Amino acid sequence: MVILSKLSESLKELMSERNLTQTSLAEAMGTCSSKLSSYITGNRAPNYDTLIQLVEFFHCSADFLLGIKEYPYEEIDYLPVPPFSQRLRTVLKEMNCTQYSFIKQTKISWGVFYNWLSGKSNPSVDNLVKIASFFDCSVDFILGRVK
């Protein structure tokens, strides 16, 4: 589960390093300031698409932004994020995990899982962390940003 205070702290640190205000970050990302406010104050986690926007904007690790890792930057050339449905199929195959086994062990409902596989929806940030924990890997790996 995402600890909102850590997400807030990481976001504030990244903004401070770049001398960004909430308003200037919102403008640069093409979003509204009130949306960012809920992340900055630790009231809410970003959705999948906003998480991708944030890590790409700051060129940082998703694991850092989510408070899982301590260091924001790595000497990594992050890969473009593929559609989650495609990435989930790849990860299941690479990890030699069946869909049934994944659903049973993670306790994610078949309906939610099916929507991810079919591209009808993307996981919440909490579910991204849960998937990474299940496979004992980074969120950046689950997103397809690193190999």
N, C-alpha and C. Protein backbone atom coordinates (compact mmCIF):
# COMPACT_ATOMS: atom_id res chain seq x y z
N MET A 1 0.84 -1.19 0.00
CA MET A 1 0.00 0.00 0.00
C MET A 1 0.88 1.25 0.00
N VAL A 2 0.47 2.23 -0.75
CA VAL A 2 1.21 3.47 -0.84
C VAL A 2 1.02 4.27 0.44
N ILE A 3 2.12 4.73 1.00
CA ILE A 3 2.05 5.59 2.17
C ILE A 3 2.04 7.02 1.65
N LEU A 4 0.89 7.66 1.80
CA LEU A 4 0.69 8.97 1.18
C LEU A 4 1.66 10.02 1.69
N SER A 5 2.07 9.92 2.95
CA SER A 5 3.02 10.91 3.48
C SER A 5 4.37 10.79 2.79
N LYS A 6 4.77 9.57 2.42
CA LYS A 6 6.05 9.38 1.72
C LYS A 6 5.95 9.90 0.29
N LEU A 7 4.83 9.65 -0.35
CA LEU A 7 4.60 10.17 -1.69
C LEU A 7 4.65 11.70 -1.67
N SER A 8 3.98 12.28 -0.69
CA SER A 8 3.97 13.73 -0.55
C SER A 8 5.38 14.28 -0.34
N GLU A 9 6.12 13.63 0.54
CA GLU A 9 7.49 14.05 0.84
C GLU A 9 8.38 13.97 -0.40
N SER A 10 8.27 12.89 -1.13
CA SER A 10 9.08 12.71 -2.36
C SER A 10 8.73 13.76 -3.40
N LEU A 11 7.45 14.01 -3.56
CA LEU A 11 7.00 15.00 -4.54
C LEU A 11 7.48 16.40 -4.16
N LYS A 12 7.39 16.74 -2.89
CA LYS A 12 7.87 18.04 -2.42
C LYS A 12 9.38 18.18 -2.64
N GLU A 13 10.12 17.10 -2.39
CA GLU A 13 11.57 17.13 -2.59
C GLU A 13 11.92 17.37 -4.05
N LEU A 14 11.25 16.66 -4.94
CA LEU A 14 11.51 16.83 -6.37
C LEU A 14 11.14 18.23 -6.84
N MET A 15 10.04 18.75 -6.35
CA MET A 15 9.63 20.11 -6.72
C MET A 15 10.62 21.14 -6.20
N SER A 16 11.08 20.95 -4.99
CA SER A 16 12.03 21.88 -4.38
C SER A 16 13.35 21.90 -5.16
N GLU A 17 13.83 20.72 -5.56
CA GLU A 17 15.07 20.63 -6.32
C GLU A 17 15.00 21.42 -7.62
N ARG A 18 13.81 21.51 -8.18
CA ARG A 18 13.63 22.21 -9.46
C ARG A 18 12.98 23.58 -9.31
N ASN A 19 12.87 24.02 -8.07
CA ASN A 19 12.24 25.33 -7.79
C ASN A 19 10.87 25.45 -8.43
N LEU A 20 10.08 24.41 -8.31
CA LEU A 20 8.73 24.42 -8.89
C LEU A 20 7.69 24.67 -7.81
N THR A 21 6.75 25.50 -8.13
CA THR A 21 5.58 25.66 -7.27
C THR A 21 4.52 24.68 -7.76
N GLN A 22 3.50 24.53 -6.96
CA GLN A 22 2.38 23.68 -7.35
C GLN A 22 1.78 24.16 -8.66
N THR A 23 1.64 25.45 -8.80
CA THR A 23 1.07 26.04 -10.01
C THR A 23 1.96 25.82 -11.22
N SER A 24 3.27 26.03 -11.06
CA SER A 24 4.17 25.85 -12.21
C SER A 24 4.27 24.38 -12.62
N LEU A 25 4.22 23.47 -11.64
CA LEU A 25 4.23 22.04 -11.97
C LEU A 25 2.95 21.68 -12.71
N ALA A 26 1.83 22.16 -12.24
CA ALA A 26 0.55 21.88 -12.89
C ALA A 26 0.56 22.38 -14.35
N GLU A 27 1.08 23.58 -14.55
CA GLU A 27 1.15 24.13 -15.90
C GLU A 27 2.06 23.29 -16.79
N ALA A 28 3.22 22.90 -16.25
CA ALA A 28 4.18 22.10 -17.03
C ALA A 28 3.61 20.73 -17.40
N MET A 29 2.76 20.18 -16.52
CA MET A 29 2.19 18.86 -16.77
C MET A 29 0.85 18.94 -17.51
N GLY A 30 0.33 20.15 -17.66
CA GLY A 30 -0.95 20.29 -18.34
C GLY A 30 -2.13 19.78 -17.51
N THR A 31 -2.05 19.99 -16.22
CA THR A 31 -3.12 19.56 -15.33
C THR A 31 -3.51 20.70 -14.40
N CYS A 32 -4.49 20.48 -13.58
CA CYS A 32 -4.92 21.55 -12.67
C CYS A 32 -4.17 21.47 -11.34
N SER A 33 -3.98 22.61 -10.77
CA SER A 33 -3.24 22.75 -9.52
C SER A 33 -3.92 22.02 -8.37
N SER A 34 -5.24 22.01 -8.34
CA SER A 34 -5.96 21.36 -7.24
C SER A 34 -5.74 19.85 -7.24
N LYS A 35 -5.58 19.28 -8.43
CA LYS A 35 -5.30 17.85 -8.54
C LYS A 35 -3.95 17.53 -7.88
N LEU A 36 -2.94 18.32 -8.19
CA LEU A 36 -1.62 18.12 -7.59
C LEU A 36 -1.63 18.38 -6.09
N SER A 37 -2.46 19.31 -5.67
CA SER A 37 -2.53 19.65 -4.25
C SER A 37 -2.85 18.43 -3.40
N SER A 38 -3.73 17.57 -3.88
CA SER A 38 -4.11 16.39 -3.10
C SER A 38 -2.95 15.41 -2.95
N TYR A 39 -2.03 15.39 -3.90
CA TYR A 39 -0.85 14.53 -3.79
C TYR A 39 0.19 15.18 -2.88
N ILE A 40 0.36 16.49 -3.05
CA ILE A 40 1.35 17.23 -2.28
C ILE A 40 1.01 17.25 -0.79
N THR A 41 -0.28 17.34 -0.50
CA THR A 41 -0.70 17.36 0.90
C THR A 41 -0.85 15.96 1.49
N GLY A 42 -0.71 14.93 0.66
CA GLY A 42 -0.80 13.56 1.16
C GLY A 42 -2.22 13.09 1.39
N ASN A 43 -3.18 13.70 0.71
CA ASN A 43 -4.58 13.30 0.87
C ASN A 43 -5.00 12.19 -0.08
N ARG A 44 -4.23 12.02 -1.16
CA ARG A 44 -4.63 11.06 -2.18
C ARG A 44 -3.43 10.66 -3.04
N ALA A 45 -3.47 9.45 -3.55
CA ALA A 45 -2.42 8.98 -4.46
C ALA A 45 -2.84 9.28 -5.90
N PRO A 46 -1.88 9.52 -6.77
CA PRO A 46 -2.22 9.76 -8.17
C PRO A 46 -2.76 8.49 -8.82
N ASN A 47 -3.50 8.65 -9.89
CA ASN A 47 -3.92 7.47 -10.65
C ASN A 47 -2.74 7.01 -11.51
N TYR A 48 -2.94 5.93 -12.21
CA TYR A 48 -1.89 5.33 -13.04
C TYR A 48 -1.29 6.33 -14.02
N ASP A 49 -2.15 6.99 -14.79
CA ASP A 49 -1.67 7.92 -15.82
C ASP A 49 -0.90 9.09 -15.22
N THR A 50 -1.37 9.61 -14.10
CA THR A 50 -0.69 10.74 -13.46
C THR A 50 0.64 10.29 -12.88
N LEU A 51 0.70 9.08 -12.33
CA LEU A 51 1.97 8.55 -11.83
C LEU A 51 2.99 8.51 -12.96
N ILE A 52 2.57 8.01 -14.12
CA ILE A 52 3.47 7.94 -15.27
C ILE A 52 3.93 9.34 -15.66
N GLN A 53 3.00 10.30 -15.70
CA GLN A 53 3.36 11.68 -16.03
C GLN A 53 4.39 12.23 -15.06
N LEU A 54 4.18 11.99 -13.77
CA LEU A 54 5.09 12.52 -12.75
C LEU A 54 6.49 11.93 -12.87
N VAL A 55 6.60 10.60 -13.00
CA VAL A 55 7.93 10.00 -13.06
C VAL A 55 8.64 10.36 -14.35
N GLU A 56 7.89 10.53 -15.43
CA GLU A 56 8.51 10.94 -16.68
C GLU A 56 8.91 12.42 -16.61
N PHE A 57 8.10 13.25 -16.00
CA PHE A 57 8.42 14.67 -15.88
C PHE A 57 9.70 14.85 -15.05
N PHE A 58 9.77 14.17 -13.92
CA PHE A 58 10.93 14.32 -13.02
C PHE A 58 12.08 13.39 -13.38
N HIS A 59 11.88 12.50 -14.35
CA HIS A 59 12.86 11.49 -14.73
C HIS A 59 13.44 10.83 -13.47
N CYS A 60 12.52 10.28 -12.70
CA CYS A 60 12.91 9.62 -11.45
C CYS A 60 12.28 8.24 -11.40
N SER A 61 12.71 7.49 -10.43
CA SER A 61 12.18 6.16 -10.20
C SER A 61 10.77 6.25 -9.61
N ALA A 62 9.88 5.42 -10.11
CA ALA A 62 8.53 5.34 -9.53
C ALA A 62 8.63 4.87 -8.08
N ASP A 63 9.58 4.01 -7.82
CA ASP A 63 9.76 3.50 -6.46
C ASP A 63 10.18 4.61 -5.50
N PHE A 64 10.96 5.56 -5.98
CA PHE A 64 11.31 6.72 -5.15
C PHE A 64 10.07 7.58 -4.90
N LEU A 65 9.37 7.90 -5.97
CA LEU A 65 8.20 8.77 -5.83
C LEU A 65 7.17 8.17 -4.87
N LEU A 66 7.04 6.86 -4.88
CA LEU A 66 6.07 6.19 -4.02
C LEU A 66 6.61 5.92 -2.62
N GLY A 67 7.85 6.31 -2.36
CA GLY A 67 8.41 6.14 -1.02
C GLY A 67 8.94 4.75 -0.73
N ILE A 68 9.16 3.96 -1.77
CA ILE A 68 9.67 2.60 -1.60
C ILE A 68 11.19 2.59 -1.57
N LYS A 69 11.81 3.50 -2.32
CA LYS A 69 13.26 3.65 -2.38
C LYS A 69 13.65 5.03 -1.90
N GLU A 70 14.89 5.16 -1.46
CA GLU A 70 15.34 6.43 -0.91
C GLU A 70 15.94 7.38 -1.94
N TYR A 71 16.42 6.87 -3.05
CA TYR A 71 17.14 7.72 -4.00
C TYR A 71 16.32 7.95 -5.25
N PRO A 72 16.13 9.21 -5.64
CA PRO A 72 15.25 9.51 -6.77
C PRO A 72 15.81 9.20 -8.15
N TYR A 73 17.10 9.30 -8.31
CA TYR A 73 17.68 9.16 -9.65
C TYR A 73 18.64 7.99 -9.68
N GLU A 74 18.66 7.36 -10.79
CA GLU A 74 19.61 6.29 -11.02
C GLU A 74 20.24 6.54 -12.38
N GLU A 75 21.36 5.95 -12.59
CA GLU A 75 22.02 6.07 -13.90
C GLU A 75 21.32 5.11 -14.86
N ILE A 76 20.06 5.38 -15.09
CA ILE A 76 19.24 4.50 -15.92
C ILE A 76 18.59 5.33 -17.02
N ASP A 77 18.58 4.78 -18.20
CA ASP A 77 17.78 5.36 -19.27
C ASP A 77 16.44 4.63 -19.22
N TYR A 78 15.44 5.30 -18.65
CA TYR A 78 14.13 4.68 -18.53
C TYR A 78 13.52 4.47 -19.90
N LEU A 79 12.87 3.34 -20.05
CA LEU A 79 12.20 3.00 -21.30
C LEU A 79 10.82 3.62 -21.33
N PRO A 80 10.27 3.84 -22.52
CA PRO A 80 8.88 4.32 -22.60
C PRO A 80 7.95 3.28 -22.00
N VAL A 81 6.92 3.74 -21.33
CA VAL A 81 5.98 2.84 -20.67
C VAL A 81 5.00 2.28 -21.70
N PRO A 82 5.00 0.94 -21.87
CA PRO A 82 4.04 0.34 -22.80
C PRO A 82 2.65 0.29 -22.17
N PRO A 83 1.63 -0.02 -22.96
CA PRO A 83 0.29 -0.18 -22.37
C PRO A 83 0.35 -1.24 -21.26
N PHE A 84 -0.37 -0.99 -20.17
CA PHE A 84 -0.27 -1.90 -19.03
C PHE A 84 -0.73 -3.31 -19.39
N SER A 85 -1.74 -3.44 -20.22
CA SER A 85 -2.22 -4.78 -20.60
C SER A 85 -1.10 -5.59 -21.25
N GLN A 86 -0.35 -4.96 -22.11
CA GLN A 86 0.78 -5.61 -22.78
C GLN A 86 1.87 -5.95 -21.76
N ARG A 87 2.17 -5.03 -20.88
CA ARG A 87 3.23 -5.24 -19.90
C ARG A 87 2.86 -6.35 -18.93
N LEU A 88 1.61 -6.40 -18.49
CA LEU A 88 1.18 -7.44 -17.56
C LEU A 88 1.35 -8.82 -18.17
N ARG A 89 0.98 -8.97 -19.42
CA ARG A 89 1.16 -10.27 -20.10
C ARG A 89 2.64 -10.65 -20.16
N THR A 90 3.49 -9.68 -20.46
CA THR A 90 4.93 -9.92 -20.52
C THR A 90 5.49 -10.33 -19.17
N VAL A 91 5.09 -9.63 -18.12
CA VAL A 91 5.60 -9.94 -16.78
C VAL A 91 5.14 -11.33 -16.35
N LEU A 92 3.89 -11.65 -16.57
CA LEU A 92 3.40 -12.99 -16.21
C LEU A 92 4.21 -14.07 -16.91
N LYS A 93 4.49 -13.85 -18.19
CA LYS A 93 5.26 -14.83 -18.97
C LYS A 93 6.70 -14.91 -18.46
N GLU A 94 7.34 -13.75 -18.27
CA GLU A 94 8.73 -13.73 -17.80
C GLU A 94 8.88 -14.35 -16.42
N MET A 95 7.88 -14.19 -15.59
CA MET A 95 7.93 -14.71 -14.22
C MET A 95 7.34 -16.12 -14.12
N ASN A 96 6.96 -16.67 -15.29
CA ASN A 96 6.41 -18.01 -15.35
C ASN A 96 5.23 -18.17 -14.38
N CYS A 97 4.30 -17.25 -14.45
CA CYS A 97 3.16 -17.22 -13.55
C CYS A 97 1.88 -17.28 -14.37
N THR A 98 1.00 -18.18 -14.03
CA THR A 98 -0.27 -18.26 -14.75
C THR A 98 -1.22 -17.19 -14.24
N GLN A 99 -2.19 -16.88 -15.06
CA GLN A 99 -3.20 -15.90 -14.66
C GLN A 99 -3.93 -16.39 -13.41
N TYR A 100 -4.28 -17.66 -13.39
CA TYR A 100 -4.99 -18.24 -12.25
C TYR A 100 -4.17 -18.12 -10.96
N SER A 101 -2.90 -18.47 -11.06
CA SER A 101 -2.01 -18.39 -9.89
C SER A 101 -1.88 -16.94 -9.40
N PHE A 102 -1.75 -16.03 -10.33
CA PHE A 102 -1.62 -14.62 -9.97
C PHE A 102 -2.86 -14.14 -9.22
N ILE A 103 -4.03 -14.42 -9.77
CA ILE A 103 -5.29 -13.99 -9.15
C ILE A 103 -5.46 -14.62 -7.77
N LYS A 104 -5.20 -15.90 -7.69
CA LYS A 104 -5.38 -16.62 -6.42
C LYS A 104 -4.45 -16.08 -5.34
N GLN A 105 -3.19 -15.87 -5.68
CA GLN A 105 -2.21 -15.46 -4.68
C GLN A 105 -2.28 -13.98 -4.32
N THR A 106 -2.65 -13.13 -5.28
CA THR A 106 -2.73 -11.70 -4.97
C THR A 106 -4.10 -11.30 -4.43
N LYS A 107 -5.08 -12.17 -4.61
CA LYS A 107 -6.47 -11.89 -4.19
C LYS A 107 -7.06 -10.69 -4.93
N ILE A 108 -6.58 -10.48 -6.15
CA ILE A 108 -7.16 -9.47 -7.03
C ILE A 108 -8.29 -10.16 -7.78
N SER A 109 -9.43 -9.52 -7.86
CA SER A 109 -10.59 -10.17 -8.47
C SER A 109 -10.35 -10.43 -9.96
N TRP A 110 -11.02 -11.47 -10.44
CA TRP A 110 -10.90 -11.82 -11.86
C TRP A 110 -11.36 -10.65 -12.73
N GLY A 111 -12.44 -9.97 -12.34
CA GLY A 111 -12.97 -8.86 -13.12
C GLY A 111 -11.97 -7.72 -13.26
N VAL A 112 -11.33 -7.36 -12.16
CA VAL A 112 -10.31 -6.30 -12.19
C VAL A 112 -9.14 -6.73 -13.06
N PHE A 113 -8.68 -7.96 -12.86
CA PHE A 113 -7.57 -8.51 -13.63
C PHE A 113 -7.90 -8.54 -15.13
N TYR A 114 -9.10 -8.98 -15.45
CA TYR A 114 -9.53 -9.05 -16.84
C TYR A 114 -9.53 -7.66 -17.48
N ASN A 115 -10.00 -6.67 -16.74
CA ASN A 115 -10.00 -5.29 -17.26
C ASN A 115 -8.58 -4.79 -17.53
N TRP A 116 -7.64 -5.19 -16.70
CA TRP A 116 -6.23 -4.83 -16.95
C TRP A 116 -5.72 -5.51 -18.21
N LEU A 117 -5.98 -6.83 -18.31
CA LEU A 117 -5.50 -7.59 -19.47
C LEU A 117 -6.10 -7.11 -20.78
N SER A 118 -7.35 -6.70 -20.73
CA SER A 118 -8.03 -6.27 -21.95
C SER A 118 -7.78 -4.80 -22.26
N GLY A 119 -7.08 -4.10 -21.36
CA GLY A 119 -6.79 -2.69 -21.59
C GLY A 119 -7.95 -1.77 -21.27
N LYS A 120 -8.98 -2.28 -20.59
CA LYS A 120 -10.13 -1.45 -20.24
C LYS A 120 -9.84 -0.53 -19.06
N SER A 121 -8.88 -0.93 -18.24
CA SER A 121 -8.48 -0.08 -17.11
C SER A 121 -7.04 -0.36 -16.76
N ASN A 122 -6.48 0.52 -15.95
CA ASN A 122 -5.12 0.35 -15.43
C ASN A 122 -5.21 0.20 -13.92
N PRO A 123 -4.21 -0.40 -13.32
CA PRO A 123 -4.26 -0.60 -11.87
C PRO A 123 -4.12 0.71 -11.10
N SER A 124 -4.62 0.70 -9.90
CA SER A 124 -4.38 1.82 -8.99
C SER A 124 -2.91 1.76 -8.59
N VAL A 125 -2.43 2.83 -8.00
CA VAL A 125 -1.04 2.84 -7.54
C VAL A 125 -0.85 1.79 -6.45
N ASP A 126 -1.83 1.62 -5.58
CA ASP A 126 -1.74 0.58 -4.55
C ASP A 126 -1.60 -0.80 -5.18
N ASN A 127 -2.35 -1.06 -6.26
CA ASN A 127 -2.24 -2.36 -6.92
C ASN A 127 -0.92 -2.52 -7.64
N LEU A 128 -0.36 -1.44 -8.18
CA LEU A 128 0.98 -1.53 -8.78
C LEU A 128 2.00 -1.97 -7.73
N VAL A 129 1.91 -1.39 -6.55
CA VAL A 129 2.83 -1.75 -5.46
C VAL A 129 2.60 -3.20 -5.05
N LYS A 130 1.36 -3.61 -5.00
CA LYS A 130 1.02 -5.00 -4.65
C LYS A 130 1.58 -5.98 -5.68
N ILE A 131 1.47 -5.64 -6.95
CA ILE A 131 1.99 -6.51 -8.02
C ILE A 131 3.51 -6.59 -7.93
N ALA A 132 4.17 -5.45 -7.73
CA ALA A 132 5.63 -5.44 -7.60
C ALA A 132 6.06 -6.27 -6.40
N SER A 133 5.36 -6.16 -5.31
CA SER A 133 5.68 -6.94 -4.11
C SER A 133 5.49 -8.44 -4.38
N PHE A 134 4.41 -8.78 -5.06
CA PHE A 134 4.15 -10.18 -5.40
C PHE A 134 5.29 -10.78 -6.22
N PHE A 135 5.76 -10.04 -7.19
CA PHE A 135 6.85 -10.53 -8.05
C PHE A 135 8.24 -10.20 -7.50
N ASP A 136 8.30 -9.54 -6.35
CA ASP A 136 9.56 -9.16 -5.71
C ASP A 136 10.45 -8.38 -6.67
N CYS A 137 9.87 -7.32 -7.21
CA CYS A 137 10.59 -6.48 -8.16
C CYS A 137 10.18 -5.03 -7.94
N SER A 138 10.71 -4.14 -8.73
CA SER A 138 10.40 -2.72 -8.59
C SER A 138 9.11 -2.36 -9.35
N VAL A 139 8.51 -1.28 -8.95
CA VAL A 139 7.34 -0.75 -9.67
C VAL A 139 7.79 -0.34 -11.07
N ASP A 140 9.01 0.19 -11.18
CA ASP A 140 9.53 0.57 -12.50
C ASP A 140 9.60 -0.65 -13.43
N PHE A 141 9.92 -1.82 -12.90
CA PHE A 141 9.94 -3.04 -13.71
C PHE A 141 8.53 -3.39 -14.14
N ILE A 142 7.59 -3.32 -13.22
CA ILE A 142 6.20 -3.64 -13.55
C ILE A 142 5.67 -2.69 -14.63
N LEU A 143 6.06 -1.43 -14.56
CA LEU A 143 5.64 -0.46 -15.56
C LEU A 143 6.35 -0.64 -16.90
N GLY A 144 7.45 -1.39 -16.91
CA GLY A 144 8.21 -1.59 -18.14
C GLY A 144 9.23 -0.51 -18.39
N ARG A 145 9.52 0.28 -17.35
CA ARG A 145 10.50 1.37 -17.50
C ARG A 145 11.94 0.85 -17.42
N VAL A 146 12.13 -0.29 -16.78
CA VAL A 146 13.44 -0.93 -16.68
C VAL A 146 13.29 -2.41 -16.99
N LYS A 147 14.39 -3.03 -17.40
CA LYS A 147 14.36 -4.46 -17.69
C LYS A 147 14.82 -5.27 -16.52
